[in-house]
Amino acid sequence: MRLNEVSYPNAKPVEGYGPGFFRIGGEVHDGALLVLPAGQQAWNGYTDTAPILAAKDEIDVLFIGTGAEIAHIPADLRNCLEEAGIGVEVMNSPSACRTYNVLLSEGRRIALAVLPV
């Protein structure tokens, strides 16, 4: 088996979160957040798929955090992402942040889209 090291020079772990915010790389981001290999940006929710699809060649799995509680995502969103070849894992936002951090440390090709708690 051949292993390749993957590095994302701009991807940073989630350092913290709280009511309405996330902290990444020492910066606080208010509201929903999208974390891609190229960096982080505000996310406009389930209908905001353009930046995710633009990065589809750089990610294998997108973790979607649905806020404080786990919830279903729209079927259209799941279908759109899966048709683009992106795996989708839905969980509450705290779990999504923790899982993202673990897999990021392993060099996995992942992204994170989270709604605030």
Protein backbone atom coordinates (compact mmCIF):
# COMPACT_ATOMS: atom_id res chain seq x y z
CA MET A 1 0.00 0.00 0.00
CA ARG A 2 1.30 3.43 -0.89
CA LEU A 3 0.63 6.29 1.52
CA ASN A 4 0.74 9.90 0.44
CA GLU A 5 1.07 12.77 2.84
CA VAL A 6 -1.68 15.34 2.40
CA SER A 7 -1.25 18.83 3.76
CA TYR A 8 -3.55 21.81 3.74
CA PRO A 9 -1.48 24.91 4.38
CA ASN A 10 -4.54 27.04 5.12
CA ALA A 11 -6.75 24.51 6.94
CA LYS A 12 -6.84 25.00 10.69
CA PRO A 13 -8.57 23.05 13.44
CA VAL A 14 -11.59 24.37 15.28
CA GLU A 15 -10.23 25.74 18.55
CA GLY A 16 -13.55 26.51 20.19
CA TYR A 17 -17.21 27.30 19.74
CA GLY A 18 -20.04 28.76 21.74
CA PRO A 19 -23.42 30.39 21.36
CA GLY A 20 -23.34 31.84 17.85
CA PHE A 21 -19.59 31.64 17.15
CA PHE A 22 -16.63 29.44 16.19
CA ARG A 23 -12.92 30.12 16.81
CA ILE A 24 -10.42 28.95 14.20
CA GLY A 25 -6.79 30.00 14.01
CA GLY A 26 -7.30 32.50 16.81
CA GLU A 27 -10.07 34.28 14.91
CA VAL A 28 -13.68 34.35 16.04
CA HIS A 29 -16.29 33.82 13.32
CA ASP A 30 -19.90 34.68 14.09
CA GLY A 31 -22.69 32.58 12.62
CA ALA A 32 -22.57 29.54 10.37
CA LEU A 33 -19.13 28.59 9.08
CA LEU A 34 -17.67 26.68 6.16
CA VAL A 35 -14.15 25.31 6.58
CA LEU A 36 -12.50 24.13 3.36
CA PRO A 37 -8.90 23.10 2.65
CA ALA A 38 -8.23 26.62 1.33
CA GLY A 39 -9.57 28.34 4.46
CA GLN A 40 -12.75 29.31 6.22
CA GLN A 41 -15.64 31.58 5.28
CA ALA A 42 -19.17 32.42 6.32
CA TRP A 43 -21.72 29.81 5.27
CA ASN A 44 -25.25 30.77 4.30
CA GLY A 45 -26.74 27.43 5.29
CA TYR A 46 -28.06 24.43 3.44
CA THR A 47 -28.65 26.23 0.13
CA ASP A 48 -25.08 27.57 -0.06
CA THR A 49 -23.47 24.75 -2.05
CA ALA A 50 -21.36 26.70 -4.58
CA PRO A 51 -18.17 26.98 -2.47
CA ILE A 52 -18.42 23.32 -1.46
CA LEU A 53 -18.85 22.15 -5.04
CA ALA A 54 -15.95 24.38 -6.14
CA ALA A 55 -13.71 22.44 -3.73
CA LYS A 56 -15.04 18.98 -4.65
CA ASP A 57 -11.68 17.84 -6.05
CA GLU A 58 -10.01 18.64 -2.72
CA ILE A 59 -12.38 16.91 -0.31
CA ASP A 60 -13.74 13.41 0.15
CA VAL A 61 -16.10 14.01 3.08
CA LEU A 62 -18.05 17.00 4.32
CA PHE A 63 -19.07 17.04 7.98
CA ILE A 64 -22.27 19.00 8.46
CA GLY A 65 -22.98 20.28 11.95
CA THR A 66 -26.67 20.97 12.46
CA GLY A 67 -26.38 23.10 15.60
CA ALA A 68 -26.84 21.99 19.19
CA GLU A 69 -28.94 18.97 18.20
CA ILE A 70 -28.62 16.54 15.33
CA ALA A 71 -31.19 17.12 12.60
CA HIS A 72 -31.90 15.90 9.10
CA ILE A 73 -30.48 17.94 6.25
CA PRO A 74 -32.53 18.59 3.11
CA ALA A 75 -32.51 15.61 0.75
CA ASP A 76 -31.64 17.95 -2.14
CA LEU A 77 -28.44 19.00 -0.36
CA ARG A 78 -27.37 15.42 0.36
CA ASN A 79 -28.14 14.34 -3.23
CA CYS A 80 -26.27 17.31 -4.72
CA LEU A 81 -23.14 16.62 -2.67
CA GLU A 82 -23.17 12.88 -3.20
CA GLU A 83 -23.65 13.31 -6.96
CA ALA A 84 -20.53 15.51 -6.90
CA GLY A 85 -18.62 12.66 -5.23
CA ILE A 86 -18.54 14.21 -1.76
CA GLY A 87 -19.44 11.99 1.18
CA VAL A 88 -21.76 13.56 3.74
CA GLU A 89 -21.74 12.97 7.48
CA VAL A 90 -24.38 14.78 9.54
CA MET A 91 -24.09 15.28 13.30
CA ASN A 92 -24.56 18.02 15.86
CA SER A 93 -22.06 20.87 15.57
CA PRO A 94 -19.90 20.00 18.62
CA SER A 95 -19.44 16.44 17.33
CA ALA A 96 -18.77 17.69 13.80
CA CYS A 97 -16.04 20.02 15.08
CA ARG A 98 -14.35 17.29 17.11
CA THR A 99 -14.51 14.77 14.28
CA TYR A 100 -13.19 17.35 11.81
CA ASN A 101 -10.22 18.10 14.10
CA VAL A 102 -9.29 14.43 14.52
CA LEU A 103 -9.42 13.68 10.80
CA LEU A 104 -7.65 16.93 9.91
CA SER A 105 -4.78 15.88 12.18
CA GLU A 106 -4.60 12.63 10.19
CA GLY A 107 -4.26 14.55 6.94
CA ARG A 108 -7.63 13.50 5.57
CA ARG A 109 -9.37 15.28 2.69
CA ILE A 110 -12.25 16.78 4.65
CA ALA A 111 -14.33 19.91 5.04
CA LEU A 112 -16.73 21.24 7.65
CA ALA A 113 -20.01 23.12 7.35
CA VAL A 114 -21.47 24.03 10.75
CA LEU A 115 -24.43 25.91 12.13
CA PRO A 116 -23.79 27.59 15.48
CA VAL A 117 -24.94 26.06 18.75
